[in-house]
Amino acid sequence: MQWYFVENGAAVGPFDLTQLEAMAASGRLRRDSQSCRVGASEWIDASADDALRELFAGSLSAIPWSTPSIAATMSLPEFTFSAAFALAIDTFKKQWAMLLLVSVIYLGISAILGIPGQVSNFAAGIAGERDAAAFLIGLGGCCGLLLQVFVGLPLIASFYYCGAQAIDGKLQIPDLFVGFRRYWVTVGTSLLSYILVGVALAVSLIPALVCILIGVGIGEIPGGFFIVVGILLGLVGYVAVMAFVGVRLLCAATIACDPARAPLGVMDSIKASWHGTRGKEFPLLGYLLVVGIAIFATFFLLCIGFLLVGTPFAFAAAGAAYSMLYRRNASPVTTAA
């Protein structure tokens, strides 16, 4: 039997009983340390675990850690649109300076990832031959795609984690690179999430495409009717996929790299993300839509508003949703819905 426990806000382990006994004797493991057996689904005080309780016999130590741990996030309410939005605004106000600093670095790295494509387009513009220009554009596109996959995806996975750290008042610049700690699992989880959403979208659009093709073939008024029906079916299919697949896999990559959770594989991260959003699909979709509109509106604040307001608020909003959905129970292993 092995256990994980929370130390300085992060899950460590697993450790066997002999190792934990030594840690309890040294004071590293305490009565109120959050612990979880390998294969279990919830965190509890170490003293509440039947097998660990004896480790603290005769010990009076029950002083909490000096830094906030996962236990601190358990007081968060369950996710609702209003509660998440209020928490995001409050965090934005209290953590604005740090959120702004992280936003500047995030946007800077994102801009750097786009340089290969810009350089190749510029080189193609001054190239004398058409074939050479096409080659340069293709080369730049391939380089840009590789950068987005192997650098951009871990960076995006870190986005929600940074927001969650801001919610806890612990955001630091290194948090922006947490996606590179469990690198291949994070990349694999991100890719699988995008593939699943893409496949679901492709399937949902089949009826819409059939109606549109029929409409084009018929022509005139009856054909126009089929085209309109096809467009409506496409919109309904898109919303349905985003609500029942897209938002449910939104944080899978973040779960894969979150050091506050026990290490999970690709499929377990997908399952944990899916399970955490069960029954909250439409409130979460509405929340993301309103947040997106609010962030888009900051472009009109002399453009600089996107940097000073939009991106920091995006971090805070993402963190509010992630914390409420996935840090309330801090489960290292979750069962699929």
C-alpha atoms as a PDB file:
ATOM      1  CA  MET A   1       0.000   0.000   0.000  1.00  0.00           C
ATOM      2  CA  GLN A   2       1.301   3.461  -0.922  1.00  0.00           C
ATOM      3  CA  TRP A   3       0.107   7.021  -0.335  1.00  0.00           C
ATOM      4  CA  TYR A   4       0.457  10.507  -1.746  1.00  0.00           C
ATOM      5  CA  PHE A   5       0.385  13.507   0.557  1.00  0.00           C
ATOM      6  CA  VAL A   6       0.347  17.273   0.090  1.00  0.00           C
ATOM      7  CA  GLU A   7       3.503  19.201   0.890  1.00  0.00           C
ATOM      8  CA  ASN A   8       3.752  22.960   0.290  1.00  0.00           C
ATOM      9  CA  GLY A   9       0.693  22.900  -1.936  1.00  0.00           C
ATOM     10  CA  ALA A  10       1.834  20.039  -4.191  1.00  0.00           C
ATOM     11  CA  ALA A  11       1.187  16.308  -4.151  1.00  0.00           C
ATOM     12  CA  VAL A  12       4.311  14.226  -3.483  1.00  0.00           C
ATOM     13  CA  GLY A  13       4.846  10.497  -3.520  1.00  0.00           C
ATOM     14  CA  PRO A  14       3.836   7.786  -3.617  1.00  0.00           C
ATOM     15  CA  PHE A  15       5.447   6.549  -0.374  1.00  0.00           C
ATOM     16  CA  ASP A  16       5.069   3.289   1.477  1.00  0.00           C
ATOM     17  CA  LEU A  17       4.223   3.017   5.171  1.00  0.00           C
ATOM     18  CA  THR A  18       7.868   2.734   6.274  1.00  0.00           C
ATOM     19  CA  GLN A  19       8.808   5.953   4.475  1.00  0.00           C
ATOM     20  CA  LEU A  20       5.789   7.784   5.865  1.00  0.00           C
ATOM     21  CA  GLU A  21       6.629   6.615   9.377  1.00  0.00           C
ATOM     22  CA  ALA A  22      10.033   8.291   9.103  1.00  0.00           C
ATOM     23  CA  MET A  23       8.434  11.442   7.704  1.00  0.00           C
ATOM     24  CA  ALA A  24       5.926  11.547  10.545  1.00  0.00           C
ATOM     25  CA  ALA A  25       8.734  11.189  13.071  1.00  0.00           C
ATOM     26  CA  SER A  26      10.637  14.094  11.506  1.00  0.00           C
ATOM     27  CA  GLY A  27       7.532  16.274  11.336  1.00  0.00           C
ATOM     28  CA  ARG A  28       7.404  16.355   7.566  1.00  0.00           C
ATOM     29  CA  LEU A  29       4.130  14.397   7.574  1.00  0.00           C
ATOM     30  CA  ARG A  30       1.600  15.821  10.006  1.00  0.00           C
ATOM     31  CA  ARG A  31      -1.797  14.836  11.351  1.00  0.00           C
ATOM     32  CA  ASP A  32      -3.509  17.412   9.133  1.00  0.00           C
ATOM     33  CA  SER A  33      -1.459  16.668   6.014  1.00  0.00           C
ATOM     34  CA  GLN A  34      -3.811  15.826   3.160  1.00  0.00           C
ATOM     35  CA  SER A  35      -3.192  12.226   2.081  1.00  0.00           C
ATOM     36  CA  CYS A  36      -4.606   9.871  -0.509  1.00  0.00           C
ATOM     37  CA  ARG A  37      -4.026   6.176  -1.058  1.00  0.00           C
ATOM     38  CA  VAL A  38      -2.900   5.167  -4.525  1.00  0.00           C
ATOM     39  CA  GLY A  39      -6.048   4.286  -6.429  1.00  0.00           C
ATOM     40  CA  ALA A  40      -8.364   6.218  -4.094  1.00  0.00           C
ATOM     41  CA  SER A  41     -10.507   9.159  -5.170  1.00  0.00           C
ATOM     42  CA  GLU A  42     -10.337  11.703  -2.341  1.00  0.00           C
ATOM     43  CA  TRP A  43      -7.890  13.465  -0.057  1.00  0.00           C
ATOM     44  CA  ILE A  44      -8.310  13.189   3.717  1.00  0.00           C
ATOM     45  CA  ASP A  45      -6.295  14.167   6.791  1.00  0.00           C
ATOM     46  CA  ALA A  46      -3.503  11.682   7.378  1.00  0.00           C
ATOM     47  CA  SER A  47      -4.812  11.096  10.901  1.00  0.00           C
ATOM     48  CA  ALA A  48      -8.175  10.075   9.422  1.00  0.00           C
ATOM     49  CA  ASP A  49      -6.616   7.186   7.498  1.00  0.00           C
ATOM     50  CA  ASP A  50      -6.805   3.966   9.523  1.00  0.00           C
ATOM     51  CA  ALA A  51      -3.369   2.820   8.399  1.00  0.00           C
ATOM     52  CA  LEU A  52      -1.658   6.161   9.038  1.00  0.00           C
ATOM     53  CA  ARG A  53      -3.348   7.097  12.320  1.00  0.00           C
ATOM     54  CA  GLU A  54      -0.898   5.060  14.390  1.00  0.00           C
ATOM     55  CA  LEU A  55       2.027   7.028  12.972  1.00  0.00           C
ATOM     56  CA  PHE A  56       0.930   9.995  15.081  1.00  0.00           C
ATOM     57  CA  ALA A  57       0.445   8.162  18.359  1.00  0.00           C
ATOM     58  CA  GLY A  58       1.830  10.375  21.098  1.00  0.00           C
ATOM     59  CA  SER A  59       2.369  13.286  18.741  1.00  0.00           C
ATOM     60  CA  LEU A  60       0.705  16.613  19.593  1.00  0.00           C
ATOM     61  CA  SER A  61       1.745  18.286  16.378  1.00  0.00           C
ATOM     62  CA  ALA A  62      -1.204  19.610  14.435  1.00  0.00           C
ATOM     63  CA  ILE A  63       0.090  22.961  13.228  1.00  0.00           C
ATOM     64  CA  PRO A  64      -0.882  23.557   9.585  1.00  0.00           C
ATOM     65  CA  TRP A  65       1.683  24.190   6.892  1.00  0.00           C
ATOM     66  CA  SER A  66       2.846  27.774   6.585  1.00  0.00           C
ATOM     67  CA  THR A  67       1.947  27.878   2.906  1.00  0.00           C
ATOM     68  CA  PRO A  68      -1.558  27.185   1.572  1.00  0.00           C
ATOM     69  CA  SER A  69      -2.171  23.584   0.544  1.00  0.00           C
ATOM     70  CA  ILE A  70      -4.835  21.800  -1.421  1.00  0.00           C
ATOM     71  CA  ALA A  71      -6.875  21.703   1.766  1.00  0.00           C
ATOM     72  CA  ALA A  72      -7.278  25.471   1.518  1.00  0.00           C
ATOM     73  CA  THR A  73      -9.047  25.131  -1.812  1.00  0.00           C
ATOM     74  CA  MET A  74     -11.610  22.651  -0.475  1.00  0.00           C
ATOM     75  CA  SER A  75     -13.695  25.548   0.873  1.00  0.00           C
ATOM     76  CA  LEU A  76     -14.390  26.696  -2.667  1.00  0.00           C
ATOM     77  CA  PRO A  77     -18.061  26.479  -3.643  1.00  0.00           C
ATOM     78  CA  GLU A  78     -19.234  24.196  -6.395  1.00  0.00           C
ATOM     79  CA  PHE A  79     -18.959  25.703  -9.861  1.00  0.00           C
ATOM     80  CA  THR A  80     -21.763  28.011 -10.901  1.00  0.00           C
ATOM     81  CA  PHE A  81     -21.722  30.828 -13.433  1.00  0.00           C
ATOM     82  CA  SER A  82     -22.198  33.583 -10.852  1.00  0.00           C
ATOM     83  CA  ALA A  83     -19.801  32.173  -8.260  1.00  0.00           C
ATOM     84  CA  ALA A  84     -17.023  31.628 -10.809  1.00  0.00           C
ATOM     85  CA  PHE A  85     -17.452  35.099 -12.309  1.00  0.00           C
ATOM     86  CA  ALA A  86     -17.399  36.749  -8.879  1.00  0.00           C
ATOM     87  CA  LEU A  87     -14.279  34.817  -7.898  1.00  0.00           C
ATOM     88  CA  ALA A  88     -12.579  35.761 -11.176  1.00  0.00           C
ATOM     89  CA  ILE A  89     -13.280  39.471 -10.659  1.00  0.00           C
ATOM     90  CA  ASP A  90     -12.106  39.357  -7.040  1.00  0.00           C
ATOM     91  CA  THR A  91      -8.889  37.568  -8.017  1.00  0.00           C
ATOM     92  CA  PHE A  92      -8.304  40.007 -10.876  1.00  0.00           C
ATOM     93  CA  LYS A  93      -8.481  42.923  -8.431  1.00  0.00           C
ATOM     94  CA  LYS A  94      -6.269  41.366  -5.772  1.00  0.00           C
ATOM     95  CA  GLN A  95      -3.667  39.742  -8.040  1.00  0.00           C
ATOM     96  CA  TRP A  96      -3.651  42.202 -10.945  1.00  0.00           C
ATOM     97  CA  ALA A  97       0.061  43.083 -10.815  1.00  0.00           C
ATOM     98  CA  MET A  98       1.237  39.466 -10.866  1.00  0.00           C
ATOM     99  CA  LEU A  99      -1.374  38.502 -13.444  1.00  0.00           C
ATOM    100  CA  LEU A 100      -0.173  41.361 -15.654  1.00  0.00           C
ATOM    101  CA  LEU A 101       3.457  40.240 -15.396  1.00  0.00           C
ATOM    102  CA  VAL A 102       2.567  36.667 -16.308  1.00  0.00           C
ATOM    103  CA  SER A 103       0.361  37.946 -19.147  1.00  0.00           C
ATOM    104  CA  VAL A 104       3.218  39.954 -20.653  1.00  0.00           C
ATOM    105  CA  ILE A 105       5.500  36.905 -20.637  1.00  0.00           C
ATOM    106  CA  TYR A 106       2.750  34.650 -22.014  1.00  0.00           C
ATOM    107  CA  LEU A 107       1.911  37.005 -24.875  1.00  0.00           C
ATOM    108  CA  GLY A 108       5.608  37.515 -25.607  1.00  0.00           C
ATOM    109  CA  ILE A 109       6.237  33.785 -25.931  1.00  0.00           C
ATOM    110  CA  SER A 110       3.106  33.411 -28.067  1.00  0.00           C
ATOM    111  CA  ALA A 111       4.406  36.122 -30.381  1.00  0.00           C
ATOM    112  CA  ILE A 112       7.785  34.389 -30.664  1.00  0.00           C
ATOM    113  CA  LEU A 113       6.073  31.151 -31.694  1.00  0.00           C
ATOM    114  CA  GLY A 114       4.587  32.985 -34.670  1.00  0.00           C
ATOM    115  CA  ILE A 115       7.922  34.301 -35.960  1.00  0.00           C
ATOM    116  CA  PRO A 116       8.762  31.337 -38.272  1.00  0.00           C
ATOM    117  CA  GLY A 117       5.527  31.796 -40.201  1.00  0.00           C
ATOM    118  CA  GLN A 118       6.057  35.548 -40.523  1.00  0.00           C
ATOM    119  CA  VAL A 119       9.670  35.118 -41.659  1.00  0.00           C
ATOM    120  CA  SER A 120       8.715  32.493 -44.256  1.00  0.00           C
ATOM    121  CA  ASN A 121       5.932  34.692 -45.634  1.00  0.00           C
ATOM    122  CA  PHE A 122       8.313  37.627 -45.896  1.00  0.00           C
ATOM    123  CA  ALA A 123      10.946  35.478 -47.620  1.00  0.00           C
ATOM    124  CA  ALA A 124       8.305  34.094 -49.986  1.00  0.00           C
ATOM    125  CA  GLY A 125       7.285  37.640 -50.873  1.00  0.00           C
ATOM    126  CA  ILE A 126      10.770  38.554 -52.052  1.00  0.00           C
ATOM    127  CA  ALA A 127      11.497  35.178 -53.655  1.00  0.00           C
ATOM    128  CA  GLY A 128      11.764  35.353 -57.401  1.00  0.00           C
ATOM    129  CA  GLU A 129      10.354  31.936 -58.250  1.00  0.00           C
ATOM    130  CA  ARG A 130       6.868  30.688 -57.522  1.00  0.00           C
ATOM    131  CA  ASP A 131       8.055  27.218 -56.490  1.00  0.00           C
ATOM    132  CA  ALA A 132      10.598  28.714 -54.091  1.00  0.00           C
ATOM    133  CA  ALA A 133       7.924  30.920 -52.537  1.00  0.00           C
ATOM    134  CA  ALA A 134       5.604  27.943 -52.061  1.00  0.00           C
ATOM    135  CA  PHE A 135       8.432  25.946 -50.482  1.00  0.00           C
ATOM    136  CA  LEU A 136       9.257  28.754 -48.045  1.00  0.00           C
ATOM    137  CA  ILE A 137       5.618  29.173 -47.031  1.00  0.00           C
ATOM    138  CA  GLY A 138       5.285  25.423 -46.486  1.00  0.00           C
ATOM    139  CA  LEU A 139       8.506  25.302 -44.498  1.00  0.00           C
ATOM    140  CA  GLY A 140       7.418  28.176 -42.285  1.00  0.00           C
ATOM    141  CA  GLY A 141       4.028  26.582 -41.784  1.00  0.00           C
ATOM    142  CA  CYS A 142       5.582  23.264 -40.716  1.00  0.00           C
ATOM    143  CA  CYS A 143       7.976  24.962 -38.301  1.00  0.00           C
ATOM    144  CA  GLY A 144       5.162  27.022 -36.853  1.00  0.00           C
ATOM    145  CA  LEU A 145       2.972  23.940 -36.412  1.00  0.00           C
ATOM    146  CA  LEU A 146       5.735  22.040 -34.637  1.00  0.00           C
ATOM    147  CA  LEU A 147       6.325  24.973 -32.301  1.00  0.00           C
ATOM    148  CA  GLN A 148       2.630  25.230 -31.536  1.00  0.00           C
ATOM    149  CA  VAL A 149       2.435  21.517 -30.740  1.00  0.00           C
ATOM    150  CA  PHE A 150       5.624  21.061 -28.715  1.00  0.00           C
ATOM    151  CA  VAL A 151       5.818  24.494 -27.086  1.00  0.00           C
ATOM    152  CA  GLY A 152       2.410  26.082 -27.486  1.00  0.00           C
ATOM    153  CA  LEU A 153       0.356  23.171 -26.117  1.00  0.00           C
ATOM    154  CA  PRO A 154       2.268  22.893 -22.800  1.00  0.00           C
ATOM    155  CA  LEU A 155       2.055  26.670 -22.509  1.00  0.00           C
ATOM    156  CA  ILE A 156      -1.721  26.593 -23.000  1.00  0.00           C
ATOM    157  CA  ALA A 157      -1.980  23.795 -20.433  1.00  0.00           C
ATOM    158  CA  SER A 158      -0.192  26.075 -17.958  1.00  0.00           C
ATOM    159  CA  PHE A 159      -2.756  28.834 -18.533  1.00  0.00           C
ATOM    160  CA  TYR A 160      -5.451  27.365 -16.285  1.00  0.00           C
ATOM    161  CA  TYR A 161      -2.874  26.336 -13.675  1.00  0.00           C
ATOM    162  CA  CYS A 162      -1.553  29.902 -13.447  1.00  0.00           C
ATOM    163  CA  GLY A 163      -5.081  31.139 -12.924  1.00  0.00           C
ATOM    164  CA  ALA A 164      -5.654  28.578 -10.180  1.00  0.00           C
ATOM    165  CA  GLN A 165      -2.444  29.661  -8.481  1.00  0.00           C
ATOM    166  CA  ALA A 166      -3.684  33.253  -8.601  1.00  0.00           C
ATOM    167  CA  ILE A 167      -6.928  32.120  -6.965  1.00  0.00           C
ATOM    168  CA  ASP A 168      -4.816  30.684  -4.124  1.00  0.00           C
ATOM    169  CA  GLY A 169      -2.666  33.839  -3.994  1.00  0.00           C
ATOM    170  CA  LYS A 170       0.457  31.858  -4.932  1.00  0.00           C
ATOM    171  CA  LEU A 171       1.025  32.773  -8.580  1.00  0.00           C
ATOM    172  CA  GLN A 172       4.685  32.943  -9.616  1.00  0.00           C
ATOM    173  CA  ILE A 173       6.398  33.250 -12.994  1.00  0.00           C
ATOM    174  CA  PRO A 174       7.643  29.597 -13.026  1.00  0.00           C
ATOM    175  CA  ASP A 175       3.993  28.490 -12.889  1.00  0.00           C
ATOM    176  CA  LEU A 176       3.733  29.574 -16.522  1.00  0.00           C
ATOM    177  CA  PHE A 177       5.990  26.653 -17.474  1.00  0.00           C
ATOM    178  CA  VAL A 178       4.385  23.930 -15.360  1.00  0.00           C
ATOM    179  CA  GLY A 179       3.162  22.292 -18.573  1.00  0.00           C
ATOM    180  CA  PHE A 180       6.747  21.279 -19.346  1.00  0.00           C
ATOM    181  CA  ARG A 181       7.192  19.300 -16.102  1.00  0.00           C
ATOM    182  CA  ARG A 182       5.146  16.281 -17.232  1.00  0.00           C
ATOM    183  CA  TYR A 183       5.923  17.140 -20.803  1.00  0.00           C
ATOM    184  CA  TRP A 184       4.952  14.171 -22.947  1.00  0.00           C
ATOM    185  CA  VAL A 185       1.820  13.371 -20.966  1.00  0.00           C
ATOM    186  CA  THR A 186       0.751  17.010 -21.267  1.00  0.00           C
ATOM    187  CA  VAL A 187       1.392  17.115 -25.024  1.00  0.00           C
ATOM    188  CA  GLY A 188      -0.291  13.749 -25.558  1.00  0.00           C
ATOM    189  CA  THR A 189      -3.331  14.761 -23.525  1.00  0.00           C
ATOM    190  CA  SER A 190      -3.634  18.045 -25.425  1.00  0.00           C
ATOM    191  CA  LEU A 191      -3.421  16.336 -28.808  1.00  0.00           C
ATOM    192  CA  LEU A 192      -5.930  13.638 -27.883  1.00  0.00           C
ATOM    193  CA  SER A 193      -8.350  16.277 -26.571  1.00  0.00           C
ATOM    194  CA  TYR A 194      -8.164  18.227 -29.841  1.00  0.00           C
ATOM    195  CA  ILE A 195      -8.584  15.043 -31.867  1.00  0.00           C
ATOM    196  CA  LEU A 196     -11.667  13.986 -29.904  1.00  0.00           C
ATOM    197  CA  VAL A 197     -13.255  17.406 -30.303  1.00  0.00           C
ATOM    198  CA  GLY A 198     -12.368  17.467 -34.002  1.00  0.00           C
ATOM    199  CA  VAL A 199     -13.887  14.043 -34.624  1.00  0.00           C
ATOM    200  CA  ALA A 200     -17.055  15.000 -32.746  1.00  0.00           C
ATOM    201  CA  LEU A 201     -17.340  18.195 -34.797  1.00  0.00           C
ATOM    202  CA  ALA A 202     -16.843  16.307 -38.059  1.00  0.00           C
ATOM    203  CA  VAL A 203     -19.591  13.840 -37.165  1.00  0.00           C
ATOM    204  CA  SER A 204     -21.987  16.564 -36.013  1.00  0.00           C
ATOM    205  CA  LEU A 205     -21.564  18.509 -39.261  1.00  0.00           C
ATOM    206  CA  ILE A 206     -22.466  15.581 -41.526  1.00  0.00           C
ATOM    207  CA  PRO A 207     -26.244  16.262 -41.458  1.00  0.00           C
ATOM    208  CA  ALA A 208     -25.600  19.953 -42.113  1.00  0.00           C
ATOM    209  CA  LEU A 209     -23.352  19.223 -45.096  1.00  0.00           C
ATOM    210  CA  VAL A 210     -25.888  16.765 -46.529  1.00  0.00           C
ATOM    211  CA  CYS A 211     -28.658  19.374 -46.365  1.00  0.00           C
ATOM    212  CA  ILE A 212     -26.453  22.045 -47.933  1.00  0.00           C
ATOM    213  CA  LEU A 213     -25.388  19.728 -50.774  1.00  0.00           C
ATOM    214  CA  ILE A 214     -29.010  18.792 -51.423  1.00  0.00           C
ATOM    215  CA  GLY A 215     -29.933  22.452 -51.464  1.00  0.00           C
ATOM    216  CA  VAL A 216     -27.162  23.319 -53.917  1.00  0.00           C
ATOM    217  CA  GLY A 217     -28.256  20.437 -56.149  1.00  0.00           C
ATOM    218  CA  ILE A 218     -31.936  21.400 -56.141  1.00  0.00           C
ATOM    219  CA  GLY A 219     -31.422  25.122 -56.522  1.00  0.00           C
ATOM    220  CA  GLU A 220     -33.977  27.972 -56.389  1.00  0.00           C
ATOM    221  CA  ILE A 221     -36.421  28.287 -53.448  1.00  0.00           C
ATOM    222  CA  PRO A 222     -36.552  24.631 -52.283  1.00  0.00           C
ATOM    223  CA  GLY A 223     -32.786  24.485 -52.443  1.00  0.00           C
ATOM    224  CA  GLY A 224     -32.484  27.661 -50.387  1.00  0.00           C
ATOM    225  CA  PHE A 225     -34.676  26.105 -47.716  1.00  0.00           C
ATOM    226  CA  PHE A 226     -32.370  23.076 -47.463  1.00  0.00           C
ATOM    227  CA  ILE A 227     -29.330  25.362 -47.272  1.00  0.00           C
ATOM    228  CA  VAL A 228     -30.854  27.355 -44.396  1.00  0.00           C
ATOM    229  CA  VAL A 229     -31.744  24.116 -42.580  1.00  0.00           C
ATOM    230  CA  GLY A 230     -28.194  22.882 -43.122  1.00  0.00           C
ATOM    231  CA  ILE A 231     -26.725  26.067 -41.640  1.00  0.00           C
ATOM    232  CA  LEU A 232     -29.009  25.802 -38.601  1.00  0.00           C
ATOM    233  CA  LEU A 233     -28.087  22.148 -38.131  1.00  0.00           C
ATOM    234  CA  GLY A 234     -24.427  23.118 -38.318  1.00  0.00           C
ATOM    235  CA  LEU A 235     -24.851  25.743 -35.597  1.00  0.00           C
ATOM    236  CA  VAL A 236     -26.783  23.356 -33.364  1.00  0.00           C
ATOM    237  CA  GLY A 237     -24.190  20.634 -33.907  1.00  0.00           C
ATOM    238  CA  TYR A 238     -21.329  22.997 -33.102  1.00  0.00           C
ATOM    239  CA  VAL A 239     -22.943  24.188 -29.855  1.00  0.00           C
ATOM    240  CA  ALA A 240     -23.757  20.611 -28.848  1.00  0.00           C
ATOM    241  CA  VAL A 241     -20.188  19.426 -29.442  1.00  0.00           C
ATOM    242  CA  MET A 242     -18.720  22.368 -27.548  1.00  0.00           C
ATOM    243  CA  ALA A 243     -21.084  21.787 -24.629  1.00  0.00           C
ATOM    244  CA  PHE A 244     -20.844  18.005 -24.384  1.00  0.00           C
ATOM    245  CA  VAL A 245     -17.286  17.417 -25.590  1.00  0.00           C
ATOM    246  CA  GLY A 246     -15.283  20.636 -25.887  1.00  0.00           C
ATOM    247  CA  VAL A 247     -15.806  22.100 -22.409  1.00  0.00           C
ATOM    248  CA  ARG A 248     -15.610  18.664 -20.796  1.00  0.00           C
ATOM    249  CA  LEU A 249     -12.068  18.168 -22.149  1.00  0.00           C
ATOM    250  CA  LEU A 250     -11.018  21.781 -21.735  1.00  0.00           C
ATOM    251  CA  CYS A 251      -8.761  21.239 -18.721  1.00  0.00           C
ATOM    252  CA  ALA A 252      -7.514  17.710 -19.420  1.00  0.00           C
ATOM    253  CA  ALA A 253      -3.978  18.874 -20.263  1.00  0.00           C
ATOM    254  CA  THR A 254      -3.855  21.096 -17.172  1.00  0.00           C
ATOM    255  CA  ILE A 255      -4.891  18.162 -15.000  1.00  0.00           C
ATOM    256  CA  ALA A 256      -2.074  16.133 -16.591  1.00  0.00           C
ATOM    257  CA  CYS A 257       0.580  18.668 -15.577  1.00  0.00           C
ATOM    258  CA  ASP A 258      -0.860  20.023 -12.309  1.00  0.00           C
ATOM    259  CA  PRO A 259       1.753  19.266  -9.599  1.00  0.00           C
ATOM    260  CA  ALA A 260      -0.975  19.546  -6.958  1.00  0.00           C
ATOM    261  CA  ARG A 261      -2.357  16.256  -8.268  1.00  0.00           C
ATOM    262  CA  ALA A 262      -0.842  12.809  -8.315  1.00  0.00           C
ATOM    263  CA  PRO A 263       0.672  12.034 -11.739  1.00  0.00           C
ATOM    264  CA  LEU A 264      -1.921  10.805 -14.236  1.00  0.00           C
ATOM    265  CA  GLY A 265      -1.539   9.291 -17.675  1.00  0.00           C
ATOM    266  CA  VAL A 266      -3.169  10.599 -20.827  1.00  0.00           C
ATOM    267  CA  MET A 267      -6.396   8.613 -20.545  1.00  0.00           C
ATOM    268  CA  ASP A 268      -6.765   9.213 -16.799  1.00  0.00           C
ATOM    269  CA  SER A 269      -6.352  12.960 -17.384  1.00  0.00           C
ATOM    270  CA  ILE A 270      -9.054  12.842 -20.050  1.00  0.00           C
ATOM    271  CA  LYS A 271     -11.345  10.907 -17.698  1.00  0.00           C
ATOM    272  CA  ALA A 272     -10.698  13.313 -14.818  1.00  0.00           C
ATOM    273  CA  SER A 273     -11.528  16.318 -17.004  1.00  0.00           C
ATOM    274  CA  TRP A 274     -14.681  14.612 -18.294  1.00  0.00           C
ATOM    275  CA  HIS A 275     -15.851  13.644 -14.816  1.00  0.00           C
ATOM    276  CA  GLY A 276     -15.251  17.075 -13.268  1.00  0.00           C
ATOM    277  CA  THR A 277     -17.633  18.836 -15.648  1.00  0.00           C
ATOM    278  CA  ARG A 278     -20.494  16.351 -15.428  1.00  0.00           C
ATOM    279  CA  GLY A 279     -23.801  18.207 -15.134  1.00  0.00           C
ATOM    280  CA  LYS A 280     -22.129  21.589 -15.599  1.00  0.00           C
ATOM    281  CA  GLU A 281     -21.801  21.620 -19.385  1.00  0.00           C
ATOM    282  CA  PHE A 282     -24.103  24.509 -20.259  1.00  0.00           C
ATOM    283  CA  PRO A 283     -23.240  26.762 -17.263  1.00  0.00           C
ATOM    284  CA  LEU A 284     -19.560  26.304 -18.127  1.00  0.00           C
ATOM    285  CA  LEU A 285     -20.172  26.959 -21.825  1.00  0.00           C
ATOM    286  CA  GLY A 286     -22.120  30.113 -20.958  1.00  0.00           C
ATOM    287  CA  TYR A 287     -19.378  31.197 -18.556  1.00  0.00           C
ATOM    288  CA  LEU A 288     -16.688  30.789 -21.195  1.00  0.00           C
ATOM    289  CA  LEU A 289     -18.816  32.643 -23.748  1.00  0.00           C
ATOM    290  CA  VAL A 290     -19.405  35.644 -21.464  1.00  0.00           C
ATOM    291  CA  VAL A 291     -15.750  35.717 -20.404  1.00  0.00           C
ATOM    292  CA  GLY A 292     -14.714  35.585 -24.056  1.00  0.00           C
ATOM    293  CA  ILE A 293     -16.989  38.496 -24.926  1.00  0.00           C
ATOM    294  CA  ALA A 294     -15.628  40.510 -21.996  1.00  0.00           C
ATOM    295  CA  ILE A 295     -12.043  39.824 -23.065  1.00  0.00           C
ATOM    296  CA  PHE A 296     -12.815  40.680 -26.696  1.00  0.00           C
ATOM    297  CA  ALA A 297     -14.307  43.992 -25.552  1.00  0.00           C
ATOM    298  CA  THR A 298     -10.949  44.994 -24.061  1.00  0.00           C
ATOM    299  CA  PHE A 299      -9.543  45.259 -27.603  1.00  0.00           C
ATOM    300  CA  PHE A 300     -11.540  48.464 -27.931  1.00  0.00           C
ATOM    301  CA  LEU A 301      -9.883  50.057 -24.892  1.00  0.00           C
ATOM    302  CA  LEU A 302      -7.215  51.676 -27.076  1.00  0.00           C
ATOM    303  CA  CYS A 303      -5.937  48.123 -27.782  1.00  0.00           C
ATOM    304  CA  ILE A 304      -3.676  48.279 -24.734  1.00  0.00           C
ATOM    305  CA  GLY A 305      -6.706  47.266 -22.687  1.00  0.00           C
ATOM    306  CA  PHE A 306      -6.235  43.691 -23.898  1.00  0.00           C
ATOM    307  CA  LEU A 307      -2.839  43.614 -22.213  1.00  0.00           C
ATOM    308  CA  LEU A 308      -3.756  45.513 -19.056  1.00  0.00           C
ATOM    309  CA  VAL A 309      -7.234  44.063 -18.539  1.00  0.00           C
ATOM    310  CA  GLY A 310      -8.179  41.338 -21.022  1.00  0.00           C
ATOM    311  CA  THR A 311      -5.360  38.838 -20.594  1.00  0.00           C
ATOM    312  CA  PRO A 312      -5.007  39.172 -16.791  1.00  0.00           C
ATOM    313  CA  PHE A 313      -8.765  38.699 -16.461  1.00  0.00           C
ATOM    314  CA  ALA A 314      -8.577  35.679 -18.780  1.00  0.00           C
ATOM    315  CA  PHE A 315      -6.063  34.070 -16.410  1.00  0.00           C
ATOM    316  CA  ALA A 316      -8.263  34.837 -13.403  1.00  0.00           C
ATOM    317  CA  ALA A 317     -11.417  33.539 -15.107  1.00  0.00           C
ATOM    318  CA  ALA A 318      -9.692  30.344 -16.228  1.00  0.00           C
ATOM    319  CA  GLY A 319      -8.339  29.802 -12.727  1.00  0.00           C
ATOM    320  CA  ALA A 320     -11.731  30.316 -11.115  1.00  0.00           C
ATOM    321  CA  ALA A 321     -13.311  27.664 -13.326  1.00  0.00           C
ATOM    322  CA  TYR A 322     -10.426  25.213 -12.914  1.00  0.00           C
ATOM    323  CA  SER A 323     -10.241  25.615  -9.130  1.00  0.00           C
ATOM    324  CA  MET A 324     -13.983  25.163  -8.631  1.00  0.00           C
ATOM    325  CA  LEU A 325     -14.196  22.195 -10.956  1.00  0.00           C
ATOM    326  CA  TYR A 326     -11.013  20.294 -10.160  1.00  0.00           C
ATOM    327  CA  ARG A 327      -9.404  21.551  -6.945  1.00  0.00           C
ATOM    328  CA  ARG A 328     -12.320  21.259  -4.562  1.00  0.00           C
ATOM    329  CA  ASN A 329     -11.641  17.558  -4.051  1.00  0.00           C
ATOM    330  CA  ALA A 330      -8.097  17.413  -5.426  1.00  0.00           C
ATOM    331  CA  SER A 331      -8.523  13.783  -6.471  1.00  0.00           C
ATOM    332  CA  PRO A 332      -5.436  12.162  -7.970  1.00  0.00           C
ATOM    333  CA  VAL A 333      -7.567   9.507  -9.690  1.00  0.00           C
ATOM    334  CA  THR A 334     -11.089  10.073 -10.919  1.00  0.00           C
ATOM    335  CA  THR A 335     -13.656   7.709 -12.300  1.00  0.00           C
ATOM    336  CA  ALA A 336     -15.114   8.445 -15.696  1.00  0.00           C
ATOM    337  CA  ALA A 337     -18.680   9.634 -15.952  1.00  0.00           C
END
